[in-house]
């Protein structure tokens, strides 16, 4: 809210690409500080949430969609974002439980399951979007508009 009140979006070309790269850099950062200095990781995460993520949102909001394909991709990702947010957490717990139950799992053994969880989360989110979210929104629009 603060960002939308104090900064007006401009027009930035390739904003999606730049924002994707910046988010990837921040999220690929390993945990900082180790077990003896957990406070260091807390400071890093706080800086990301309070300062860096809003600075990445600004160019994202200033992005210019140039082609119909970009428009379709952005609409699909935007529509899918909330259902994916809703369904991913329980699926991640299945993956973590599998890792916990199979001690000594290597990355080579784990990546197919991680890919399965990712694919399952996207499919489940898409189903939630089409069979729940969109019909309920349509019904609410009719009822209250």
C-alpha atoms as a PDB file:
ATOM      1  CA  UNK A   1       0.000   0.000   0.000  1.00  0.00           C
ATOM      2  CA  UNK A   2       2.781   2.395   0.895  1.00  0.00           C
ATOM      3  CA  UNK A   3       4.539   1.719  -2.396  1.00  0.00           C
ATOM      4  CA  UNK A   4       1.360   2.386  -4.384  1.00  0.00           C
ATOM      5  CA  UNK A   5       0.851   5.682  -2.549  1.00  0.00           C
ATOM      6  CA  UNK A   6       4.367   7.070  -2.800  1.00  0.00           C
ATOM      7  CA  UNK A   7       5.524   5.822  -6.220  1.00  0.00           C
ATOM      8  CA  UNK A   8       3.794   6.084  -9.559  1.00  0.00           C
ATOM      9  CA  UNK A   9       4.679   3.341 -12.063  1.00  0.00           C
ATOM     10  CA  UNK A  10       6.606   4.343 -15.148  1.00  0.00           C
ATOM     11  CA  UNK A  11       7.204   2.214 -18.229  1.00  0.00           C
ATOM     12  CA  UNK A  12      10.044  -0.298 -18.019  1.00  0.00           C
ATOM     13  CA  UNK A  13      10.825  -2.671 -20.869  1.00  0.00           C
ATOM     14  CA  UNK A  14      11.580  -6.318 -19.999  1.00  0.00           C
ATOM     15  CA  UNK A  15      10.414  -5.716 -16.425  1.00  0.00           C
ATOM     16  CA  UNK A  16       9.217  -9.314 -16.080  1.00  0.00           C
ATOM     17  CA  UNK A  17      12.658 -10.640 -16.979  1.00  0.00           C
ATOM     18  CA  UNK A  18      14.461  -8.257 -14.611  1.00  0.00           C
ATOM     19  CA  UNK A  19      12.086  -8.923 -11.738  1.00  0.00           C
ATOM     20  CA  UNK A  20      12.375 -12.675 -12.287  1.00  0.00           C
ATOM     21  CA  UNK A  21      16.160 -12.490 -12.175  1.00  0.00           C
ATOM     22  CA  UNK A  22      16.169 -10.329  -9.040  1.00  0.00           C
ATOM     23  CA  UNK A  23      13.704 -12.599  -7.215  1.00  0.00           C
ATOM     24  CA  UNK A  24      15.712 -15.669  -8.228  1.00  0.00           C
ATOM     25  CA  UNK A  25      18.917 -14.103  -6.898  1.00  0.00           C
ATOM     26  CA  UNK A  26      17.267 -13.315  -3.557  1.00  0.00           C
ATOM     27  CA  UNK A  27      15.603 -16.720  -3.221  1.00  0.00           C
ATOM     28  CA  UNK A  28      18.674 -18.703  -4.243  1.00  0.00           C
ATOM     29  CA  UNK A  29      20.671 -17.116  -1.449  1.00  0.00           C
ATOM     30  CA  UNK A  30      21.536 -19.846   1.036  1.00  0.00           C
ATOM     31  CA  UNK A  31      20.833 -19.498   4.710  1.00  0.00           C
ATOM     32  CA  UNK A  32      23.173 -16.976   6.293  1.00  0.00           C
ATOM     33  CA  UNK A  33      24.914 -17.370   9.633  1.00  0.00           C
ATOM     34  CA  UNK A  34      24.733 -21.093  10.371  1.00  0.00           C
ATOM     35  CA  UNK A  35      23.269 -22.693  13.497  1.00  0.00           C
ATOM     36  CA  UNK A  36      25.291 -20.502  15.852  1.00  0.00           C
ATOM     37  CA  UNK A  37      24.169 -17.204  14.335  1.00  0.00           C
ATOM     38  CA  UNK A  38      20.503 -17.551  13.390  1.00  0.00           C
ATOM     39  CA  UNK A  39      19.968 -13.830  13.909  1.00  0.00           C
ATOM     40  CA  UNK A  40      21.989 -13.118  10.742  1.00  0.00           C
ATOM     41  CA  UNK A  41      19.483 -15.019   8.607  1.00  0.00           C
ATOM     42  CA  UNK A  42      16.656 -13.159  10.354  1.00  0.00           C
ATOM     43  CA  UNK A  43      18.205  -9.831   9.424  1.00  0.00           C
ATOM     44  CA  UNK A  44      18.692 -10.946   5.803  1.00  0.00           C
ATOM     45  CA  UNK A  45      15.064 -12.088   5.537  1.00  0.00           C
ATOM     46  CA  UNK A  46      13.830  -8.865   7.153  1.00  0.00           C
ATOM     47  CA  UNK A  47      15.818  -6.733   4.707  1.00  0.00           C
ATOM     48  CA  UNK A  48      14.409  -8.777   1.818  1.00  0.00           C
ATOM     49  CA  UNK A  49      10.803  -8.441   2.990  1.00  0.00           C
ATOM     50  CA  UNK A  50      10.891  -4.810   4.104  1.00  0.00           C
ATOM     51  CA  UNK A  51      13.202  -3.271   1.488  1.00  0.00           C
ATOM     52  CA  UNK A  52      14.215  -5.510  -1.427  1.00  0.00           C
ATOM     53  CA  UNK A  53      10.882  -7.133  -2.343  1.00  0.00           C
ATOM     54  CA  UNK A  54       9.074  -3.755  -2.549  1.00  0.00           C
ATOM     55  CA  UNK A  55      11.939  -2.457  -4.706  1.00  0.00           C
ATOM     56  CA  UNK A  56      11.369  -5.414  -7.039  1.00  0.00           C
ATOM     57  CA  UNK A  57       7.585  -4.907  -7.087  1.00  0.00           C
ATOM     58  CA  UNK A  58       8.004  -1.363  -8.438  1.00  0.00           C
ATOM     59  CA  UNK A  59       9.615  -2.337 -11.759  1.00  0.00           C
ATOM     60  CA  UNK A  60       7.157  -5.237 -11.970  1.00  0.00           C
ATOM     61  CA  UNK A  61       4.260  -2.802 -11.684  1.00  0.00           C
ATOM     62  CA  UNK A  62       5.957  -0.587 -14.271  1.00  0.00           C
ATOM     63  CA  UNK A  63       6.316  -3.371 -16.813  1.00  0.00           C
ATOM     64  CA  UNK A  64       5.092  -2.935 -20.356  1.00  0.00           C
ATOM     65  CA  UNK A  65       3.435  -5.908 -22.018  1.00  0.00           C
ATOM     66  CA  UNK A  66       4.450  -5.808 -25.671  1.00  0.00           C
ATOM     67  CA  UNK A  67       2.868  -8.871 -27.289  1.00  0.00           C
ATOM     68  CA  UNK A  68      -0.343 -10.862 -27.027  1.00  0.00           C
ATOM     69  CA  UNK A  69       1.686 -13.906 -25.939  1.00  0.00           C
ATOM     70  CA  UNK A  70       3.205 -11.960 -23.030  1.00  0.00           C
ATOM     71  CA  UNK A  71      -0.287 -10.804 -22.094  1.00  0.00           C
ATOM     72  CA  UNK A  72      -1.607 -14.398 -22.044  1.00  0.00           C
ATOM     73  CA  UNK A  73       1.353 -15.625 -19.974  1.00  0.00           C
ATOM     74  CA  UNK A  74       0.992 -12.798 -17.453  1.00  0.00           C
ATOM     75  CA  UNK A  75      -2.773 -13.345 -17.182  1.00  0.00           C
ATOM     76  CA  UNK A  76      -2.299 -17.099 -16.673  1.00  0.00           C
ATOM     77  CA  UNK A  77       0.382 -16.605 -14.008  1.00  0.00           C
ATOM     78  CA  UNK A  78      -1.669 -13.919 -12.286  1.00  0.00           C
ATOM     79  CA  UNK A  79      -4.809 -16.074 -12.272  1.00  0.00           C
ATOM     80  CA  UNK A  80      -2.865 -19.093 -11.020  1.00  0.00           C
ATOM     81  CA  UNK A  81      -0.950 -17.272  -8.275  1.00  0.00           C
ATOM     82  CA  UNK A  82      -3.575 -17.327  -5.511  1.00  0.00           C
ATOM     83  CA  UNK A  83      -4.758 -20.931  -6.052  1.00  0.00           C
ATOM     84  CA  UNK A  84      -1.117 -22.013  -6.135  1.00  0.00           C
ATOM     85  CA  UNK A  85      -0.521 -20.125  -2.916  1.00  0.00           C
ATOM     86  CA  UNK A  86      -3.460 -22.013  -1.368  1.00  0.00           C
ATOM     87  CA  UNK A  87      -2.492 -25.540  -2.415  1.00  0.00           C
ATOM     88  CA  UNK A  88       1.305 -25.634  -2.352  1.00  0.00           C
ATOM     89  CA  UNK A  89       1.836 -25.730   1.398  1.00  0.00           C
ATOM     90  CA  UNK A  90       0.272 -29.153   2.115  1.00  0.00           C
ATOM     91  CA  UNK A  91       2.092 -30.620  -0.879  1.00  0.00           C
ATOM     92  CA  UNK A  92       5.420 -29.309   0.388  1.00  0.00           C
ATOM     93  CA  UNK A  93       4.660 -31.075   3.677  1.00  0.00           C
ATOM     94  CA  UNK A  94       4.267 -34.375   1.772  1.00  0.00           C
ATOM     95  CA  UNK A  95       7.682 -33.807   0.214  1.00  0.00           C
ATOM     96  CA  UNK A  96       9.302 -32.918   3.546  1.00  0.00           C
ATOM     97  CA  UNK A  97       7.695 -35.999   5.141  1.00  0.00           C
ATOM     98  CA  UNK A  98       9.057 -38.183   2.353  1.00  0.00           C
ATOM     99  CA  UNK A  99      12.545 -36.734   2.845  1.00  0.00           C
ATOM    100  CA  UNK A 100      12.282 -37.280   6.618  1.00  0.00           C
ATOM    101  CA  UNK A 101      11.123 -40.876   6.236  1.00  0.00           C
ATOM    102  CA  UNK A 102      13.895 -41.752   3.784  1.00  0.00           C
ATOM    103  CA  UNK A 103      17.122 -40.815   5.531  1.00  0.00           C
ATOM    104  CA  UNK A 104      20.129 -40.186   3.347  1.00  0.00           C
ATOM    105  CA  UNK A 105      18.214 -39.249   0.193  1.00  0.00           C
ATOM    106  CA  UNK A 106      20.509 -37.713  -2.410  1.00  0.00           C
ATOM    107  CA  UNK A 107      19.545 -34.847  -4.695  1.00  0.00           C
ATOM    108  CA  UNK A 108      19.548 -37.278  -7.624  1.00  0.00           C
ATOM    109  CA  UNK A 109      16.950 -39.429  -5.847  1.00  0.00           C
ATOM    110  CA  UNK A 110      14.909 -36.440  -4.632  1.00  0.00           C
ATOM    111  CA  UNK A 111      14.565 -34.293  -7.742  1.00  0.00           C
ATOM    112  CA  UNK A 112      11.941 -36.493  -9.490  1.00  0.00           C
ATOM    113  CA  UNK A 113       9.746 -36.242  -6.399  1.00  0.00           C
ATOM    114  CA  UNK A 114      10.320 -32.495  -6.182  1.00  0.00           C
ATOM    115  CA  UNK A 115       9.324 -32.188  -9.841  1.00  0.00           C
ATOM    116  CA  UNK A 116       6.250 -34.321  -9.166  1.00  0.00           C
ATOM    117  CA  UNK A 117       5.252 -32.057  -6.262  1.00  0.00           C
ATOM    118  CA  UNK A 118       5.781 -28.952  -8.416  1.00  0.00           C
ATOM    119  CA  UNK A 119       3.714 -30.380 -11.262  1.00  0.00           C
ATOM    120  CA  UNK A 120       1.034 -31.621  -8.865  1.00  0.00           C
ATOM    121  CA  UNK A 121       0.799 -28.212  -7.204  1.00  0.00           C
ATOM    122  CA  UNK A 122       0.346 -26.472 -10.566  1.00  0.00           C
ATOM    123  CA  UNK A 123      -2.271 -28.989 -11.735  1.00  0.00           C
ATOM    124  CA  UNK A 124      -4.150 -28.827  -8.431  1.00  0.00           C
ATOM    125  CA  UNK A 125      -4.013 -25.017  -8.449  1.00  0.00           C
ATOM    126  CA  UNK A 126      -5.326 -24.919 -12.009  1.00  0.00           C
ATOM    127  CA  UNK A 127      -8.171 -27.260 -11.054  1.00  0.00           C
ATOM    128  CA  UNK A 128      -8.973 -25.070  -8.034  1.00  0.00           C
ATOM    129  CA  UNK A 129      -8.956 -22.009 -10.310  1.00  0.00           C
ATOM    130  CA  UNK A 130     -11.303 -23.508 -12.907  1.00  0.00           C
ATOM    131  CA  UNK A 131     -13.624 -25.518 -10.658  1.00  0.00           C
ATOM    132  CA  UNK A 132     -13.798 -23.292  -7.594  1.00  0.00           C
ATOM    133  CA  UNK A 133     -12.290 -19.811  -7.812  1.00  0.00           C
ATOM    134  CA  UNK A 134     -13.723 -18.684 -11.152  1.00  0.00           C
ATOM    135  CA  UNK A 135     -17.241 -20.150 -10.597  1.00  0.00           C
ATOM    136  CA  UNK A 136     -17.478 -18.637  -7.103  1.00  0.00           C
ATOM    137  CA  UNK A 137     -16.318 -15.225  -8.357  1.00  0.00           C
ATOM    138  CA  UNK A 138     -18.857 -15.397 -11.194  1.00  0.00           C
ATOM    139  CA  UNK A 139     -21.627 -16.288  -8.751  1.00  0.00           C
ATOM    140  CA  UNK A 140     -20.613 -13.489  -6.378  1.00  0.00           C
ATOM    141  CA  UNK A 141     -20.566 -10.949  -9.247  1.00  0.00           C
ATOM    142  CA  UNK A 142     -24.090 -11.955 -10.241  1.00  0.00           C
ATOM    143  CA  UNK A 143     -25.348 -11.906  -6.675  1.00  0.00           C
ATOM    144  CA  UNK A 144     -23.847  -8.584  -5.559  1.00  0.00           C
ATOM    145  CA  UNK A 145     -23.388  -6.551  -8.755  1.00  0.00           C
END
